[in-house]
All heavy atoms as atom14 arrays in JSON, in Angstrom:
{
  "sequence": "YIPAILVGSYTVRKKILGGNLMGSDVLSMVFAILYPGQILIDN",
  "atom14_mask": [
    [1, 1, 1, 1, 1, 1, 1, 1, 1, 1, 1, 1, 0, 0],
    [1, 1, 1, 1, 1, 1, 1, 1, 0, 0, 0, 0, 0, 0],
    [1, 1, 1, 1, 1, 1, 1, 0, 0, 0, 0, 0, 0, 0],
    [1, 1, 1, 1, 1, 0, 0, 0, 0, 0, 0, 0, 0, 0],
    [1, 1, 1, 1, 1, 1, 1, 1, 0, 0, 0, 0, 0, 0],
    [1, 1, 1, 1, 1, 1, 1, 1, 0, 0, 0, 0, 0, 0],
    [1, 1, 1, 1, 1, 1, 1, 0, 0, 0, 0, 0, 0, 0],
    [1, 1, 1, 1, 0, 0, 0, 0, 0, 0, 0, 0, 0, 0],
    [1, 1, 1, 1, 1, 1, 0, 0, 0, 0, 0, 0, 0, 0],
    [1, 1, 1, 1, 1, 1, 1, 1, 1, 1, 1, 1, 0, 0],
    [1, 1, 1, 1, 1, 1, 1, 0, 0, 0, 0, 0, 0, 0],
    [1, 1, 1, 1, 1, 1, 1, 0, 0, 0, 0, 0, 0, 0],
    [1, 1, 1, 1, 1, 1, 1, 1, 1, 1, 1, 0, 0, 0],
    [1, 1, 1, 1, 1, 1, 1, 1, 1, 0, 0, 0, 0, 0],
    [1, 1, 1, 1, 1, 1, 1, 1, 1, 0, 0, 0, 0, 0],
    [1, 1, 1, 1, 1, 1, 1, 1, 0, 0, 0, 0, 0, 0],
    [1, 1, 1, 1, 1, 1, 1, 1, 0, 0, 0, 0, 0, 0],
    [1, 1, 1, 1, 0, 0, 0, 0, 0, 0, 0, 0, 0, 0],
    [1, 1, 1, 1, 0, 0, 0, 0, 0, 0, 0, 0, 0, 0],
    [1, 1, 1, 1, 1, 1, 1, 1, 0, 0, 0, 0, 0, 0],
    [1, 1, 1, 1, 1, 1, 1, 1, 0, 0, 0, 0, 0, 0],
    [1, 1, 1, 1, 1, 1, 1, 1, 0, 0, 0, 0, 0, 0],
    [1, 1, 1, 1, 0, 0, 0, 0, 0, 0, 0, 0, 0, 0],
    [1, 1, 1, 1, 1, 1, 0, 0, 0, 0, 0, 0, 0, 0],
    [1, 1, 1, 1, 1, 1, 1, 1, 0, 0, 0, 0, 0, 0],
    [1, 1, 1, 1, 1, 1, 1, 0, 0, 0, 0, 0, 0, 0],
    [1, 1, 1, 1, 1, 1, 1, 1, 0, 0, 0, 0, 0, 0],
    [1, 1, 1, 1, 1, 1, 0, 0, 0, 0, 0, 0, 0, 0],
    [1, 1, 1, 1, 1, 1, 1, 1, 0, 0, 0, 0, 0, 0],
    [1, 1, 1, 1, 1, 1, 1, 0, 0, 0, 0, 0, 0, 0],
    [1, 1, 1, 1, 1, 1, 1, 1, 1, 1, 1, 0, 0, 0],
    [1, 1, 1, 1, 1, 0, 0, 0, 0, 0, 0, 0, 0, 0],
    [1, 1, 1, 1, 1, 1, 1, 1, 0, 0, 0, 0, 0, 0],
    [1, 1, 1, 1, 1, 1, 1, 1, 0, 0, 0, 0, 0, 0],
    [1, 1, 1, 1, 1, 1, 1, 1, 1, 1, 1, 1, 0, 0],
    [1, 1, 1, 1, 1, 1, 1, 0, 0, 0, 0, 0, 0, 0],
    [1, 1, 1, 1, 0, 0, 0, 0, 0, 0, 0, 0, 0, 0],
    [1, 1, 1, 1, 1, 1, 1, 1, 1, 0, 0, 0, 0, 0],
    [1, 1, 1, 1, 1, 1, 1, 1, 0, 0, 0, 0, 0, 0],
    [1, 1, 1, 1, 1, 1, 1, 1, 0, 0, 0, 0, 0, 0],
    [1, 1, 1, 1, 1, 1, 1, 1, 0, 0, 0, 0, 0, 0],
    [1, 1, 1, 1, 1, 1, 1, 1, 0, 0, 0, 0, 0, 0],
    [1, 1, 1, 1, 1, 1, 1, 1, 0, 0, 0, 0, 0, 0]
  ],
  "atom14_positions": [
    [[9.53, -2.38, -14.96], [10.19, -2.95, -13.64], [10.42, -1.88, -12.59], [9.95, -2.32, -11.37], [11.57, -3.46, -14.06], [12.22, -4.11, -12.88], [11.97, -5.27, -12.38], [13.42, -3.37, -12.33], [12.64, -5.79, -11.39], [14.16, -3.82, -11.21], [13.61, -5.1, -10.77], [14.28, -5.64, -9.64], [0.0, 0.0, 0.0], [0.0, 0.0, 0.0]],
    [[10.89, -0.75, -12.83], [11.21, 0.22, -11.79], [9.83, 0.63, -11.14], [9.82, 0.7, -9.91], [12.12, 1.4, -12.19], [13.48, 0.86, -12.67], [12.27, 2.48, -11.05], [14.53, 1.95, -13.19], [0.0, 0.0, 0.0], [0.0, 0.0, 0.0], [0.0, 0.0, 0.0], [0.0, 0.0, 0.0], [0.0, 0.0, 0.0], [0.0, 0.0, 0.0]],
    [[8.9, 1.09, -11.92], [7.56, 1.39, -11.31], [7.0, 0.35, -10.51], [6.4, 0.59, -9.35], [6.68, 1.84, -12.42], [7.61, 2.14, -13.56], [8.86, 1.38, -13.38], [0.0, 0.0, 0.0], [0.0, 0.0, 0.0], [0.0, 0.0, 0.0], [0.0, 0.0, 0.0], [0.0, 0.0, 0.0], [0.0, 0.0, 0.0], [0.0, 0.0, 0.0]],
    [[7.13, -0.96, -10.96], [6.7, -2.13, -10.14], [7.37, -2.22, -8.87], [6.71, -2.42, -7.76], [6.73, -3.38, -10.99], [0.0, 0.0, 0.0], [0.0, 0.0, 0.0], [0.0, 0.0, 0.0], [0.0, 0.0, 0.0], [0.0, 0.0, 0.0], [0.0, 0.0, 0.0], [0.0, 0.0, 0.0], [0.0, 0.0, 0.0], [0.0, 0.0, 0.0]],
    [[8.59, -2.2, -8.75], [9.37, -2.36, -7.6], [9.09, -1.33, -6.62], [9.05, -1.47, -5.38], [10.93, -2.61, -7.81], [11.59, -3.41, -6.77], [11.63, -1.18, -8.1], [11.21, -4.83, -6.9], [0.0, 0.0, 0.0], [0.0, 0.0, 0.0], [0.0, 0.0, 0.0], [0.0, 0.0, 0.0], [0.0, 0.0, 0.0], [0.0, 0.0, 0.0]],
    [[8.9, 0.04, -7.1], [8.51, 1.24, -6.29], [7.13, 0.91, -5.66], [6.9, 1.2, -4.44], [8.69, 2.42, -7.02], [10.08, 2.99, -7.29], [9.95, 4.23, -8.23], [10.84, 3.27, -6.02], [0.0, 0.0, 0.0], [0.0, 0.0, 0.0], [0.0, 0.0, 0.0], [0.0, 0.0, 0.0], [0.0, 0.0, 0.0], [0.0, 0.0, 0.0]],
    [[6.22, 0.46, -6.56], [4.77, 0.25, -5.99], [4.9, -0.85, -5.07], [4.17, -0.67, -4.06], [3.96, -0.09, -7.19], [2.55, -0.59, -6.73], [3.73, 1.17, -8.17], [0.0, 0.0, 0.0], [0.0, 0.0, 0.0], [0.0, 0.0, 0.0], [0.0, 0.0, 0.0], [0.0, 0.0, 0.0], [0.0, 0.0, 0.0], [0.0, 0.0, 0.0]],
    [[5.65, -1.93, -5.23], [5.78, -3.01, -4.31], [6.28, -2.55, -2.93], [5.82, -2.81, -1.95], [0.0, 0.0, 0.0], [0.0, 0.0, 0.0], [0.0, 0.0, 0.0], [0.0, 0.0, 0.0], [0.0, 0.0, 0.0], [0.0, 0.0, 0.0], [0.0, 0.0, 0.0], [0.0, 0.0, 0.0], [0.0, 0.0, 0.0], [0.0, 0.0, 0.0]],
    [[7.43, -1.69, -3.03], [8.02, -1.17, -1.68], [6.97, -0.32, -0.96], [6.84, -0.47, 0.2], [9.22, -0.36, -2.08], [10.25, -1.19, -2.65], [0.0, 0.0, 0.0], [0.0, 0.0, 0.0], [0.0, 0.0, 0.0], [0.0, 0.0, 0.0], [0.0, 0.0, 0.0], [0.0, 0.0, 0.0], [0.0, 0.0, 0.0], [0.0, 0.0, 0.0]],
    [[6.19, 0.5, -1.7], [5.25, 1.41, -1.07], [4.11, 0.54, -0.49], [3.73, 0.85, 0.59], [4.61, 2.41, -2.1], [3.52, 3.2, -1.54], [3.74, 4.28, -0.76], [2.12, 2.98, -1.84], [2.7, 5.0, -0.24], [1.17, 3.57, -1.41], [1.38, 4.68, -0.49], [0.26, 5.46, -0.1], [0.0, 0.0, 0.0], [0.0, 0.0, 0.0]],
    [[3.69, -0.49, -1.14], [2.56, -1.34, -0.63], [2.89, -2.06, 0.55], [2.22, -2.2, 1.54], [2.01, -2.24, -1.8], [1.75, -1.53, -3.05], [0.77, -3.01, -1.35], [0.0, 0.0, 0.0], [0.0, 0.0, 0.0], [0.0, 0.0, 0.0], [0.0, 0.0, 0.0], [0.0, 0.0, 0.0], [0.0, 0.0, 0.0], [0.0, 0.0, 0.0]],
    [[4.2, -2.5, 0.56], [4.7, -3.23, 1.8], [4.75, -2.32, 2.96], [4.25, -2.65, 4.06], [6.12, -3.8, 1.55], [6.76, -4.33, 2.86], [6.11, -4.94, 0.52], [0.0, 0.0, 0.0], [0.0, 0.0, 0.0], [0.0, 0.0, 0.0], [0.0, 0.0, 0.0], [0.0, 0.0, 0.0], [0.0, 0.0, 0.0], [0.0, 0.0, 0.0]],
    [[5.15, -1.1, 2.68], [5.15, -0.16, 3.84], [3.74, 0.22, 4.3], [3.46, 0.35, 5.42], [5.83, 1.19, 3.42], [6.02, 2.17, 4.43], [6.98, 1.64, 5.54], [7.25, 2.63, 6.53], [6.59, 2.79, 7.54], [5.36, 2.16, 7.79], [6.97, 3.65, 8.64], [0.0, 0.0, 0.0], [0.0, 0.0, 0.0], [0.0, 0.0, 0.0]],
    [[2.87, 0.36, 3.39], [1.5, 0.89, 3.61], [0.74, -0.27, 4.25], [-0.06, 0.01, 5.25], [0.8, 1.32, 2.38], [-0.49, 2.02, 2.61], [-0.35, 3.42, 2.88], [-1.62, 4.23, 2.92], [-1.42, 5.69, 3.36], [0.0, 0.0, 0.0], [0.0, 0.0, 0.0], [0.0, 0.0, 0.0], [0.0, 0.0, 0.0], [0.0, 0.0, 0.0]],
    [[0.75, -1.52, 3.87], [-0.12, -2.58, 4.19], [0.47, -3.45, 5.31], [-0.31, -4.14, 6.11], [-0.48, -3.48, 2.95], [-1.15, -2.7, 1.9], [-2.6, -2.18, 2.41], [-3.34, -1.59, 1.36], [-4.65, -0.95, 1.85], [0.0, 0.0, 0.0], [0.0, 0.0, 0.0], [0.0, 0.0, 0.0], [0.0, 0.0, 0.0], [0.0, 0.0, 0.0]],
    [[1.81, -3.48, 5.47], [2.41, -4.25, 6.57], [2.92, -3.5, 7.68], [2.62, -3.69, 8.89], [3.45, -5.18, 6.05], [2.85, -6.13, 5.0], [4.13, -6.03, 7.1], [3.83, -7.08, 4.24], [0.0, 0.0, 0.0], [0.0, 0.0, 0.0], [0.0, 0.0, 0.0], [0.0, 0.0, 0.0], [0.0, 0.0, 0.0], [0.0, 0.0, 0.0]],
    [[3.65, -2.43, 7.46], [4.22, -1.64, 8.42], [3.4, -0.48, 8.86], [3.4, -0.02, 9.91], [5.63, -1.06, 7.86], [6.69, -2.08, 7.75], [7.97, -1.58, 7.13], [7.04, -2.79, 9.07], [0.0, 0.0, 0.0], [0.0, 0.0, 0.0], [0.0, 0.0, 0.0], [0.0, 0.0, 0.0], [0.0, 0.0, 0.0], [0.0, 0.0, 0.0]],
    [[2.47, 0.01, 7.95], [1.6, 1.11, 8.24], [2.18, 2.38, 8.02], [3.42, 2.69, 8.18], [0.0, 0.0, 0.0], [0.0, 0.0, 0.0], [0.0, 0.0, 0.0], [0.0, 0.0, 0.0], [0.0, 0.0, 0.0], [0.0, 0.0, 0.0], [0.0, 0.0, 0.0], [0.0, 0.0, 0.0], [0.0, 0.0, 0.0], [0.0, 0.0, 0.0]],
    [[1.34, 3.37, 7.46], [1.75, 4.76, 7.29], [2.4, 5.01, 5.77], [2.49, 3.96, 5.06], [0.0, 0.0, 0.0], [0.0, 0.0, 0.0], [0.0, 0.0, 0.0], [0.0, 0.0, 0.0], [0.0, 0.0, 0.0], [0.0, 0.0, 0.0], [0.0, 0.0, 0.0], [0.0, 0.0, 0.0], [0.0, 0.0, 0.0], [0.0, 0.0, 0.0]],
    [[2.79, 6.14, 5.64], [3.52, 6.47, 4.3], [4.99, 6.15, 4.37], [5.47, 5.85, 5.42], [3.37, 7.95, 4.14], [1.93, 8.47, 3.91], [1.11, 7.73, 3.28], [1.49, 9.5, 4.49], [0.0, 0.0, 0.0], [0.0, 0.0, 0.0], [0.0, 0.0, 0.0], [0.0, 0.0, 0.0], [0.0, 0.0, 0.0], [0.0, 0.0, 0.0]],
    [[5.49, 6.09, 3.05], [6.93, 5.93, 2.99], [7.67, 6.93, 3.9], [7.44, 8.12, 3.81], [7.44, 6.12, 1.63], [7.14, 4.9, 0.77], [7.52, 5.17, -0.68], [7.9, 3.57, 1.14], [0.0, 0.0, 0.0], [0.0, 0.0, 0.0], [0.0, 0.0, 0.0], [0.0, 0.0, 0.0], [0.0, 0.0, 0.0], [0.0, 0.0, 0.0]],
    [[8.67, 6.51, 4.73], [9.48, 7.32, 5.66], [10.8, 7.42, 5.07], [11.27, 6.65, 4.16], [9.5, 6.65, 7.01], [8.12, 6.44, 7.67], [7.23, 8.0, 7.92], [8.2, 8.9, 9.17], [0.0, 0.0, 0.0], [0.0, 0.0, 0.0], [0.0, 0.0, 0.0], [0.0, 0.0, 0.0], [0.0, 0.0, 0.0], [0.0, 0.0, 0.0]],
    [[11.65, 8.3, 5.56], [12.98, 8.53, 5.2], [13.82, 7.26, 5.33], [14.71, 6.89, 4.53], [0.0, 0.0, 0.0], [0.0, 0.0, 0.0], [0.0, 0.0, 0.0], [0.0, 0.0, 0.0], [0.0, 0.0, 0.0], [0.0, 0.0, 0.0], [0.0, 0.0, 0.0], [0.0, 0.0, 0.0], [0.0, 0.0, 0.0], [0.0, 0.0, 0.0]],
    [[13.5, 6.49, 6.35], [14.33, 5.26, 6.68], [13.93, 4.27, 5.46], [14.73, 3.29, 5.32], [13.94, 4.61, 8.0], [12.53, 4.46, 8.12], [0.0, 0.0, 0.0], [0.0, 0.0, 0.0], [0.0, 0.0, 0.0], [0.0, 0.0, 0.0], [0.0, 0.0, 0.0], [0.0, 0.0, 0.0], [0.0, 0.0, 0.0], [0.0, 0.0, 0.0]],
    [[12.91, 4.38, 4.74], [12.65, 3.44, 3.57], [13.4, 3.75, 2.39], [13.43, 3.02, 1.43], [11.18, 3.58, 3.26], [10.27, 3.18, 4.32], [10.45, 2.04, 4.83], [9.31, 3.91, 4.67], [0.0, 0.0, 0.0], [0.0, 0.0, 0.0], [0.0, 0.0, 0.0], [0.0, 0.0, 0.0], [0.0, 0.0, 0.0], [0.0, 0.0, 0.0]],
    [[14.12, 4.78, 2.37], [15.04, 5.1, 1.25], [16.06, 3.95, 1.02], [16.38, 3.69, -0.16], [15.85, 6.47, 1.53], [16.96, 6.65, 0.31], [14.96, 7.57, 1.52], [0.0, 0.0, 0.0], [0.0, 0.0, 0.0], [0.0, 0.0, 0.0], [0.0, 0.0, 0.0], [0.0, 0.0, 0.0], [0.0, 0.0, 0.0], [0.0, 0.0, 0.0]],
    [[16.48, 3.32, 2.16], [17.49, 2.33, 2.02], [16.83, 1.11, 1.14], [17.49, 0.61, 0.26], [17.81, 1.65, 3.36], [18.9, 2.56, 4.14], [18.86, 1.82, 5.64], [20.1, 2.52, 3.61], [0.0, 0.0, 0.0], [0.0, 0.0, 0.0], [0.0, 0.0, 0.0], [0.0, 0.0, 0.0], [0.0, 0.0, 0.0], [0.0, 0.0, 0.0]],
    [[15.59, 0.8, 1.49], [15.04, -0.32, 0.6], [14.8, 0.14, -0.87], [14.96, -0.66, -1.77], [13.7, -0.78, 1.34], [12.75, 0.28, 1.3], [0.0, 0.0, 0.0], [0.0, 0.0, 0.0], [0.0, 0.0, 0.0], [0.0, 0.0, 0.0], [0.0, 0.0, 0.0], [0.0, 0.0, 0.0], [0.0, 0.0, 0.0], [0.0, 0.0, 0.0]],
    [[14.45, 1.42, -0.96], [14.23, 1.85, -2.31], [15.43, 1.93, -3.1], [15.52, 1.64, -4.26], [13.5, 3.23, -2.3], [12.14, 3.21, -1.66], [11.49, 4.83, -1.27], [11.5, 5.58, -2.94], [0.0, 0.0, 0.0], [0.0, 0.0, 0.0], [0.0, 0.0, 0.0], [0.0, 0.0, 0.0], [0.0, 0.0, 0.0], [0.0, 0.0, 0.0]],
    [[16.56, 2.33, -2.5], [17.95, 2.46, -3.24], [18.16, 1.03, -3.67], [18.58, 0.8, -4.81], [18.94, 2.97, -2.2], [20.41, 2.64, -2.78], [18.81, 4.42, -2.06], [0.0, 0.0, 0.0], [0.0, 0.0, 0.0], [0.0, 0.0, 0.0], [0.0, 0.0, 0.0], [0.0, 0.0, 0.0], [0.0, 0.0, 0.0], [0.0, 0.0, 0.0]],
    [[18.12, 0.03, -2.84], [18.55, -1.34, -3.22], [17.64, -2.02, -4.14], [18.0, -2.74, -5.0], [18.79, -2.23, -1.88], [20.02, -3.12, -2.12], [21.24, -2.54, -2.36], [19.77, -4.52, -2.02], [22.34, -3.53, -2.58], [20.86, -5.35, -2.27], [22.13, -4.9, -2.46], [0.0, 0.0, 0.0], [0.0, 0.0, 0.0], [0.0, 0.0, 0.0]],
    [[16.36, -1.72, -4.13], [15.32, -2.17, -4.95], [15.57, -1.68, -6.37], [15.49, -2.44, -7.29], [13.95, -1.8, -4.54], [0.0, 0.0, 0.0], [0.0, 0.0, 0.0], [0.0, 0.0, 0.0], [0.0, 0.0, 0.0], [0.0, 0.0, 0.0], [0.0, 0.0, 0.0], [0.0, 0.0, 0.0], [0.0, 0.0, 0.0], [0.0, 0.0, 0.0]],
    [[15.91, -0.36, -6.44], [16.04, 0.19, -7.86], [17.48, -0.2, -8.36], [17.65, -0.43, -9.64], [15.91, 1.76, -7.83], [14.43, 2.0, -7.52], [16.17, 2.42, -9.12], [14.06, 3.47, -7.42], [0.0, 0.0, 0.0], [0.0, 0.0, 0.0], [0.0, 0.0, 0.0], [0.0, 0.0, 0.0], [0.0, 0.0, 0.0], [0.0, 0.0, 0.0]],
    [[18.51, -0.11, -7.48], [19.95, -0.17, -7.97], [20.4, -1.66, -7.65], [21.63, -1.81, -7.61], [20.75, 0.91, -7.22], [20.23, 2.36, -7.44], [21.23, 3.22, -6.65], [20.07, 2.7, -8.86], [0.0, 0.0, 0.0], [0.0, 0.0, 0.0], [0.0, 0.0, 0.0], [0.0, 0.0, 0.0], [0.0, 0.0, 0.0], [0.0, 0.0, 0.0]],
    [[19.54, -2.64, -7.4], [20.16, -3.98, -7.15], [21.08, -4.5, -8.22], [20.58, -4.57, -9.49], [19.0, -4.95, -6.9], [19.38, -6.36, -6.76], [20.49, -6.71, -5.9], [18.93, -7.39, -7.55], [20.85, -7.99, -5.76], [19.35, -8.71, -7.41], [20.33, -9.02, -6.48], [20.75, -10.27, -6.43], [0.0, 0.0, 0.0], [0.0, 0.0, 0.0]],
    [[22.3, -4.68, -8.02], [23.32, -5.04, -9.01], [23.0, -6.26, -9.84], [23.12, -6.4, -11.1], [24.56, -5.21, -8.3], [24.36, -4.48, -7.05], [22.96, -4.61, -6.75], [0.0, 0.0, 0.0], [0.0, 0.0, 0.0], [0.0, 0.0, 0.0], [0.0, 0.0, 0.0], [0.0, 0.0, 0.0], [0.0, 0.0, 0.0], [0.0, 0.0, 0.0]],
    [[22.37, -7.26, -9.2], [22.11, -8.52, -9.93], [21.17, -8.39, -11.08], [21.54, -8.91, -12.19], [0.0, 0.0, 0.0], [0.0, 0.0, 0.0], [0.0, 0.0, 0.0], [0.0, 0.0, 0.0], [0.0, 0.0, 0.0], [0.0, 0.0, 0.0], [0.0, 0.0, 0.0], [0.0, 0.0, 0.0], [0.0, 0.0, 0.0], [0.0, 0.0, 0.0]],
    [[20.04, -7.63, -10.92], [19.11, -7.53, -12.07], [19.71, -6.64, -13.11], [19.45, -7.0, -14.25], [17.9, -6.88, -11.5], [16.81, -6.66, -12.52], [16.79, -5.44, -13.3], [17.23, -4.35, -12.69], [16.29, -5.39, -14.46], [0.0, 0.0, 0.0], [0.0, 0.0, 0.0], [0.0, 0.0, 0.0], [0.0, 0.0, 0.0], [0.0, 0.0, 0.0]],
    [[20.39, -5.56, -12.76], [21.04, -4.75, -13.75], [22.2, -5.43, -14.53], [22.12, -5.34, -15.72], [21.63, -3.47, -13.09], [20.59, -2.56, -12.33], [22.4, -2.68, -14.06], [21.12, -1.48, -11.55], [0.0, 0.0, 0.0], [0.0, 0.0, 0.0], [0.0, 0.0, 0.0], [0.0, 0.0, 0.0], [0.0, 0.0, 0.0], [0.0, 0.0, 0.0]],
    [[22.95, -6.27, -13.89], [24.0, -6.94, -14.58], [23.49, -7.97, -15.5], [24.09, -8.16, -16.51], [25.01, -7.48, -13.55], [25.84, -6.45, -12.78], [26.5, -7.11, -11.64], [26.92, -5.93, -13.77], [0.0, 0.0, 0.0], [0.0, 0.0, 0.0], [0.0, 0.0, 0.0], [0.0, 0.0, 0.0], [0.0, 0.0, 0.0], [0.0, 0.0, 0.0]],
    [[22.41, -8.65, -15.21], [21.83, -9.62, -16.09], [21.1, -9.1, -17.16], [21.32, -9.46, -18.3], [21.04, -10.67, -15.22], [21.85, -11.39, -14.31], [20.19, -11.65, -16.16], [22.93, -12.24, -14.88], [0.0, 0.0, 0.0], [0.0, 0.0, 0.0], [0.0, 0.0, 0.0], [0.0, 0.0, 0.0], [0.0, 0.0, 0.0], [0.0, 0.0, 0.0]],
    [[20.22, -8.2, -16.89], [19.4, -7.61, -17.96], [20.08, -6.67, -18.74], [20.01, -6.68, -20.04], [18.04, -6.99, -17.38], [17.08, -8.0, -16.87], [17.3, -9.16, -17.14], [16.0, -7.67, -16.33], [0.0, 0.0, 0.0], [0.0, 0.0, 0.0], [0.0, 0.0, 0.0], [0.0, 0.0, 0.0], [0.0, 0.0, 0.0], [0.0, 0.0, 0.0]],
    [[20.67, -5.75, -18.28], [21.46, -4.62, -19.01], [22.81, -4.93, -19.38], [23.42, -4.23, -20.25], [21.39, -3.25, -18.15], [19.97, -2.94, -17.83], [19.5, -3.2, -16.75], [19.26, -2.18, -18.72], [0.0, 0.0, 0.0], [0.0, 0.0, 0.0], [0.0, 0.0, 0.0], [0.0, 0.0, 0.0], [0.0, 0.0, 0.0], [0.0, 0.0, 0.0]]
  ]
}
């Protein structure tokens, strides 16, 4: 799950926004990995 969501975030940045992951993308990565809904249901 976590590798997939990170690959997904990187691909969105690369293929839609263009360029490598920037510091501003940390926000999306934080919420992708730490999203409470998925953690509370699965774990």
